[in-house]
């Protein structure tokens, strides 16, 4: 069986990254990234990172149909990327936890960094 061990920039094992020792864990991580790879889902995630939003607010702000937004929200909630809270007749969505916020913010920082060509 293949085993994966990732290390941080200082080449010291990171306790959270050291968990990537099994194919199952890597597969689950790949599934999460694949789920977030959809442009509409990513737009929804970015929208709720700013503040909790209702389904209708998300749909209106992204110019998407409410059924489409509801479909994406179900998938994101099932994957524990988003959490929901019912308030009266509306359901509000937000990032499930700070891990999701950090992943997205780190990736945004990454794409804003200057590109350096690798010379082999």
N, C-alpha and C. Protein backbone atom coordinates (compact mmCIF):
# COMPACT_ATOMS: atom_id res chain seq x y z
N UNK A 1 0.84 -1.18 0.00
CA UNK A 1 0.00 0.00 0.00
C UNK A 1 0.89 1.24 0.00
N UNK A 2 0.51 2.23 -0.79
CA UNK A 2 1.24 3.48 -0.82
C UNK A 2 0.98 4.25 0.47
N UNK A 3 1.99 4.96 0.91
CA UNK A 3 1.79 5.84 2.04
C UNK A 3 2.32 7.21 1.66
N UNK A 4 1.64 8.23 2.14
CA UNK A 4 2.02 9.60 1.84
C UNK A 4 2.37 10.29 3.15
N UNK A 5 3.46 10.97 3.15
CA UNK A 5 3.81 11.79 4.29
C UNK A 5 4.26 13.14 3.74
N UNK A 6 3.51 14.15 4.09
CA UNK A 6 3.85 15.49 3.67
C UNK A 6 4.53 16.20 4.81
N UNK A 7 5.42 17.12 4.48
CA UNK A 7 6.12 17.89 5.49
C UNK A 7 5.96 19.36 5.18
N UNK A 8 6.11 20.20 6.21
CA UNK A 8 5.96 21.63 5.98
C UNK A 8 7.23 22.21 5.37
N UNK A 9 7.23 23.52 5.17
CA UNK A 9 8.34 24.18 4.48
C UNK A 9 9.67 24.01 5.21
N UNK A 10 9.63 23.76 6.50
CA UNK A 10 10.86 23.59 7.27
C UNK A 10 11.30 22.13 7.27
N UNK A 11 10.65 21.31 6.49
CA UNK A 11 10.90 19.87 6.37
C UNK A 11 10.71 19.13 7.69
N UNK A 12 9.90 19.69 8.58
CA UNK A 12 9.53 19.00 9.81
C UNK A 12 8.13 18.45 9.63
N UNK A 13 7.88 17.24 10.11
CA UNK A 13 6.53 16.70 9.96
C UNK A 13 5.49 17.58 10.65
N UNK A 14 4.42 17.84 9.98
CA UNK A 14 3.30 18.58 10.55
C UNK A 14 2.28 17.58 11.04
N UNK A 15 1.79 17.76 12.26
CA UNK A 15 0.89 16.76 12.83
C UNK A 15 -0.36 16.59 11.99
N UNK A 16 -0.93 17.68 11.45
CA UNK A 16 -2.14 17.53 10.64
C UNK A 16 -1.82 16.96 9.26
N UNK A 17 -0.70 17.32 8.70
CA UNK A 17 -0.34 16.79 7.38
C UNK A 17 0.16 15.36 7.46
N UNK A 18 0.68 14.98 8.61
CA UNK A 18 1.15 13.61 8.77
C UNK A 18 0.01 12.61 8.69
N UNK A 19 -1.21 13.09 8.83
CA UNK A 19 -2.38 12.21 8.74
C UNK A 19 -2.61 11.71 7.32
N UNK A 20 -1.92 12.30 6.36
CA UNK A 20 -2.10 11.90 4.96
C UNK A 20 -1.28 10.65 4.67
N UNK A 21 -1.46 9.64 5.46
CA UNK A 21 -0.68 8.42 5.32
C UNK A 21 -1.42 7.32 4.61
N UNK A 22 -2.68 7.51 4.30
CA UNK A 22 -3.43 6.44 3.68
C UNK A 22 -4.09 6.90 2.39
N UNK A 23 -4.31 5.97 1.51
CA UNK A 23 -5.01 6.25 0.26
C UNK A 23 -6.41 6.78 0.56
N UNK A 24 -7.06 6.25 1.60
CA UNK A 24 -8.41 6.68 1.93
C UNK A 24 -8.45 8.16 2.30
N UNK A 25 -7.48 8.61 3.08
CA UNK A 25 -7.43 10.01 3.48
C UNK A 25 -7.15 10.89 2.28
N UNK A 26 -6.22 10.48 1.44
CA UNK A 26 -5.91 11.26 0.24
C UNK A 26 -7.12 11.31 -0.68
N UNK A 27 -7.82 10.21 -0.80
CA UNK A 27 -9.02 10.16 -1.63
C UNK A 27 -10.10 11.09 -1.10
N UNK A 28 -10.29 11.11 0.21
CA UNK A 28 -11.29 12.01 0.81
C UNK A 28 -10.92 13.47 0.57
N UNK A 29 -9.64 13.78 0.71
CA UNK A 29 -9.17 15.14 0.45
C UNK A 29 -9.39 15.52 -1.00
N UNK A 30 -9.09 14.61 -1.91
CA UNK A 30 -9.31 14.87 -3.34
C UNK A 30 -10.79 15.11 -3.62
N UNK A 31 -11.66 14.36 -2.97
CA UNK A 31 -13.10 14.56 -3.15
C UNK A 31 -13.53 15.95 -2.71
N UNK A 32 -12.97 16.44 -1.59
CA UNK A 32 -13.30 17.78 -1.12
C UNK A 32 -12.85 18.84 -2.12
N UNK A 33 -11.62 18.70 -2.62
CA UNK A 33 -11.13 19.67 -3.59
C UNK A 33 -11.92 19.60 -4.89
N UNK A 34 -12.32 18.40 -5.29
CA UNK A 34 -13.13 18.26 -6.50
C UNK A 34 -14.48 18.94 -6.31
N UNK A 35 -15.07 18.80 -5.15
CA UNK A 35 -16.34 19.46 -4.87
C UNK A 35 -16.20 20.97 -4.94
N UNK A 36 -15.09 21.49 -4.43
CA UNK A 36 -14.87 22.94 -4.45
C UNK A 36 -14.38 23.44 -5.81
N UNK A 37 -14.07 22.54 -6.73
CA UNK A 37 -13.56 22.94 -8.04
C UNK A 37 -14.65 23.50 -8.96
N UNK A 38 -15.90 23.25 -8.64
CA UNK A 38 -17.00 23.80 -9.43
C UNK A 38 -17.06 25.31 -9.19
N UNK A 39 -17.09 26.10 -10.27
CA UNK A 39 -17.04 27.56 -10.15
C UNK A 39 -18.22 28.11 -9.34
N UNK A 40 -19.41 27.59 -9.57
CA UNK A 40 -20.56 28.09 -8.81
C UNK A 40 -20.45 27.75 -7.33
N UNK A 41 -19.98 26.56 -7.02
CA UNK A 41 -19.81 26.19 -5.61
C UNK A 41 -18.76 27.07 -4.95
N UNK A 42 -17.69 27.33 -5.66
CA UNK A 42 -16.64 28.18 -5.11
C UNK A 42 -17.16 29.60 -4.89
N UNK A 43 -17.96 30.10 -5.82
CA UNK A 43 -18.56 31.43 -5.66
C UNK A 43 -19.47 31.46 -4.43
N UNK A 44 -20.21 30.38 -4.22
CA UNK A 44 -21.08 30.30 -3.04
C UNK A 44 -20.24 30.31 -1.77
N UNK A 45 -19.17 29.53 -1.74
CA UNK A 45 -18.30 29.49 -0.57
C UNK A 45 -17.73 30.87 -0.29
N UNK A 46 -17.23 31.54 -1.32
CA UNK A 46 -16.67 32.88 -1.15
C UNK A 46 -17.71 33.86 -0.62
N UNK A 47 -18.94 33.72 -1.08
CA UNK A 47 -20.02 34.61 -0.64
C UNK A 47 -20.32 34.43 0.84
N UNK A 48 -20.37 33.19 1.30
CA UNK A 48 -20.71 32.97 2.71
C UNK A 48 -19.51 33.16 3.64
N UNK A 49 -18.30 33.27 3.08
CA UNK A 49 -17.15 33.60 3.93
C UNK A 49 -17.27 35.02 4.46
N UNK A 50 -17.90 35.89 3.67
CA UNK A 50 -18.06 37.29 4.07
C UNK A 50 -19.02 37.42 5.25
N UNK A 51 -20.13 36.69 5.19
CA UNK A 51 -21.16 36.74 6.24
C UNK A 51 -22.14 35.61 6.00
N UNK A 52 -22.86 35.24 7.05
CA UNK A 52 -23.93 34.26 6.87
C UNK A 52 -24.93 34.80 5.87
N UNK A 53 -25.42 33.92 5.00
CA UNK A 53 -26.37 34.35 3.97
C UNK A 53 -27.50 33.35 3.84
N UNK A 54 -28.67 33.87 3.50
CA UNK A 54 -29.81 33.00 3.23
C UNK A 54 -29.69 32.47 1.81
N UNK A 55 -30.43 31.41 1.53
CA UNK A 55 -30.42 30.82 0.19
C UNK A 55 -30.83 31.87 -0.84
N UNK A 56 -31.90 32.61 -0.55
CA UNK A 56 -32.37 33.61 -1.52
C UNK A 56 -31.35 34.72 -1.72
N UNK A 57 -30.65 35.11 -0.66
CA UNK A 57 -29.62 36.15 -0.77
C UNK A 57 -28.45 35.66 -1.62
N UNK A 58 -28.04 34.42 -1.40
CA UNK A 58 -26.95 33.85 -2.19
C UNK A 58 -27.35 33.80 -3.66
N UNK A 59 -28.55 33.31 -3.94
CA UNK A 59 -29.02 33.21 -5.32
C UNK A 59 -29.05 34.58 -5.99
N UNK A 60 -29.59 35.57 -5.30
CA UNK A 60 -29.69 36.92 -5.88
C UNK A 60 -28.31 37.54 -6.09
N UNK A 61 -27.42 37.40 -5.12
CA UNK A 61 -26.11 38.05 -5.24
C UNK A 61 -25.24 37.41 -6.32
N UNK A 62 -25.50 36.14 -6.64
CA UNK A 62 -24.69 35.46 -7.66
C UNK A 62 -25.43 35.30 -8.99
N UNK A 63 -26.64 35.82 -9.06
CA UNK A 63 -27.48 35.69 -10.27
C UNK A 63 -27.64 34.23 -10.69
N UNK A 64 -27.94 33.39 -9.71
CA UNK A 64 -28.19 31.97 -9.95
C UNK A 64 -29.61 31.65 -9.50
N UNK A 65 -30.18 30.61 -10.07
CA UNK A 65 -31.53 30.22 -9.65
C UNK A 65 -31.48 29.63 -8.24
N UNK A 66 -32.56 29.81 -7.51
CA UNK A 66 -32.61 29.29 -6.15
C UNK A 66 -32.52 27.76 -6.11
N UNK A 67 -33.17 27.04 -7.05
CA UNK A 67 -33.00 25.57 -7.03
C UNK A 67 -31.55 25.14 -7.26
N UNK A 68 -30.83 25.84 -8.15
CA UNK A 68 -29.43 25.51 -8.40
C UNK A 68 -28.59 25.77 -7.15
N UNK A 69 -28.81 26.91 -6.51
CA UNK A 69 -28.07 27.24 -5.29
C UNK A 69 -28.38 26.21 -4.20
N UNK A 70 -29.64 25.85 -4.06
CA UNK A 70 -30.02 24.85 -3.05
C UNK A 70 -29.33 23.52 -3.29
N UNK A 71 -29.23 23.13 -4.55
CA UNK A 71 -28.54 21.88 -4.90
C UNK A 71 -27.07 21.94 -4.46
N UNK A 72 -26.39 23.03 -4.81
CA UNK A 72 -24.97 23.17 -4.44
C UNK A 72 -24.81 23.24 -2.92
N UNK A 73 -25.71 23.95 -2.25
CA UNK A 73 -25.63 24.06 -0.79
C UNK A 73 -25.79 22.70 -0.12
N UNK A 74 -26.67 21.87 -0.64
CA UNK A 74 -26.84 20.52 -0.07
C UNK A 74 -25.53 19.73 -0.14
N UNK A 75 -24.87 19.81 -1.30
CA UNK A 75 -23.60 19.09 -1.47
C UNK A 75 -22.52 19.64 -0.55
N UNK A 76 -22.43 20.96 -0.46
CA UNK A 76 -21.40 21.59 0.38
C UNK A 76 -21.65 21.32 1.86
N UNK A 77 -22.90 21.28 2.25
CA UNK A 77 -23.22 20.98 3.64
C UNK A 77 -22.94 19.51 3.96
N UNK A 78 -23.27 18.62 3.04
CA UNK A 78 -23.03 17.19 3.25
C UNK A 78 -21.53 16.90 3.39
N UNK A 79 -20.71 17.70 2.72
CA UNK A 79 -19.25 17.53 2.80
C UNK A 79 -18.64 18.29 3.98
N UNK A 80 -19.48 18.91 4.79
CA UNK A 80 -19.06 19.68 5.96
C UNK A 80 -18.21 20.89 5.60
N UNK A 81 -18.42 21.42 4.39
CA UNK A 81 -17.75 22.65 3.99
C UNK A 81 -18.55 23.84 4.49
N UNK A 82 -19.87 23.72 4.45
CA UNK A 82 -20.76 24.76 4.96
C UNK A 82 -21.62 24.19 6.07
N UNK A 83 -22.11 25.09 6.92
CA UNK A 83 -23.08 24.72 7.94
C UNK A 83 -24.33 25.56 7.71
N UNK A 84 -25.44 25.09 8.22
CA UNK A 84 -26.70 25.83 8.05
C UNK A 84 -27.38 26.02 9.39
N UNK A 85 -28.21 27.06 9.43
CA UNK A 85 -28.99 27.35 10.63
C UNK A 85 -30.34 27.89 10.19
N UNK A 86 -31.40 27.25 10.65
CA UNK A 86 -32.75 27.70 10.32
C UNK A 86 -33.15 28.83 11.26
N UNK A 87 -33.67 29.90 10.68
CA UNK A 87 -34.22 31.02 11.45
C UNK A 87 -35.59 31.33 10.86
N UNK A 88 -36.58 30.89 11.55
CA UNK A 88 -37.94 31.07 11.02
C UNK A 88 -38.11 30.26 9.75
N UNK A 89 -38.48 30.94 8.68
CA UNK A 89 -38.70 30.26 7.41
C UNK A 89 -37.46 30.22 6.54
N UNK A 90 -36.39 30.87 6.96
CA UNK A 90 -35.18 30.92 6.14
C UNK A 90 -34.07 30.07 6.73
N UNK A 91 -33.19 29.61 5.84
CA UNK A 91 -32.00 28.87 6.26
C UNK A 91 -30.79 29.71 5.87
N UNK A 92 -29.91 29.92 6.83
CA UNK A 92 -28.70 30.71 6.60
C UNK A 92 -27.50 29.78 6.56
N UNK A 93 -26.56 30.11 5.68
CA UNK A 93 -25.36 29.29 5.48
C UNK A 93 -24.12 30.09 5.80
N UNK A 94 -23.10 29.38 6.29
CA UNK A 94 -21.79 29.98 6.60
C UNK A 94 -20.75 28.88 6.46
N UNK A 95 -19.48 29.28 6.45
CA UNK A 95 -18.40 28.29 6.44
C UNK A 95 -18.53 27.41 7.67
N UNK A 96 -18.29 26.12 7.50
CA UNK A 96 -18.47 25.17 8.59
C UNK A 96 -17.55 25.46 9.77
N UNK A 97 -16.34 25.91 9.47
CA UNK A 97 -15.39 26.23 10.53
C UNK A 97 -14.24 27.04 9.95
N UNK A 98 -13.30 27.40 10.81
CA UNK A 98 -12.17 28.22 10.36
C UNK A 98 -11.24 27.48 9.42
N UNK A 99 -11.25 26.15 9.43
CA UNK A 99 -10.39 25.40 8.50
C UNK A 99 -10.76 25.73 7.06
N UNK A 100 -12.04 25.77 6.77
CA UNK A 100 -12.51 26.08 5.42
C UNK A 100 -12.08 27.49 5.04
N UNK A 101 -12.30 28.43 5.95
CA UNK A 101 -11.90 29.82 5.70
C UNK A 101 -10.40 29.90 5.41
N UNK A 102 -9.59 29.23 6.20
CA UNK A 102 -8.14 29.28 6.03
C UNK A 102 -7.71 28.68 4.69
N UNK A 103 -8.30 27.56 4.30
CA UNK A 103 -7.95 26.93 3.02
C UNK A 103 -8.23 27.90 1.87
N UNK A 104 -9.42 28.49 1.87
CA UNK A 104 -9.79 29.41 0.79
C UNK A 104 -8.91 30.65 0.81
N UNK A 105 -8.72 31.24 1.98
CA UNK A 105 -7.89 32.45 2.08
C UNK A 105 -6.44 32.16 1.68
N UNK A 106 -5.90 31.01 2.07
CA UNK A 106 -4.54 30.64 1.68
C UNK A 106 -4.42 30.47 0.17
N UNK A 107 -5.42 29.87 -0.44
CA UNK A 107 -5.38 29.69 -1.90
C UNK A 107 -5.51 31.03 -2.62
N UNK A 108 -6.33 31.94 -2.09
CA UNK A 108 -6.43 33.28 -2.68
C UNK A 108 -5.09 34.01 -2.57
N UNK A 109 -4.42 33.88 -1.43
CA UNK A 109 -3.10 34.47 -1.26
C UNK A 109 -2.12 33.86 -2.25
N UNK A 110 -2.21 32.56 -2.42
CA UNK A 110 -1.31 31.86 -3.34
C UNK A 110 -1.46 32.37 -4.77
N UNK A 111 -2.68 32.55 -5.24
CA UNK A 111 -2.84 33.00 -6.63
C UNK A 111 -2.48 34.47 -6.81
N UNK A 112 -2.46 35.24 -5.71
CA UNK A 112 -2.05 36.64 -5.80
C UNK A 112 -0.54 36.81 -5.77
N UNK A 113 0.20 35.77 -5.38
CA UNK A 113 1.65 35.87 -5.33
C UNK A 113 2.23 35.93 -6.73
N UNK A 114 3.37 36.61 -6.88
CA UNK A 114 4.00 36.64 -8.20
C UNK A 114 4.41 35.23 -8.64
N UNK A 115 4.30 34.99 -9.92
CA UNK A 115 4.66 33.68 -10.46
C UNK A 115 6.17 33.63 -10.69
N UNK A 116 6.78 32.58 -10.23
CA UNK A 116 8.21 32.36 -10.45
C UNK A 116 8.35 31.12 -11.31
N UNK A 117 9.06 31.26 -12.39
CA UNK A 117 9.27 30.12 -13.28
C UNK A 117 10.29 29.18 -12.66
N UNK A 118 9.97 27.91 -12.68
CA UNK A 118 10.93 26.91 -12.22
C UNK A 118 11.90 26.63 -13.35
N UNK A 119 13.16 26.69 -13.05
CA UNK A 119 14.19 26.36 -14.04
C UNK A 119 14.85 25.07 -13.62
N UNK A 120 14.74 24.08 -14.47
CA UNK A 120 15.30 22.77 -14.14
C UNK A 120 16.61 22.60 -14.84
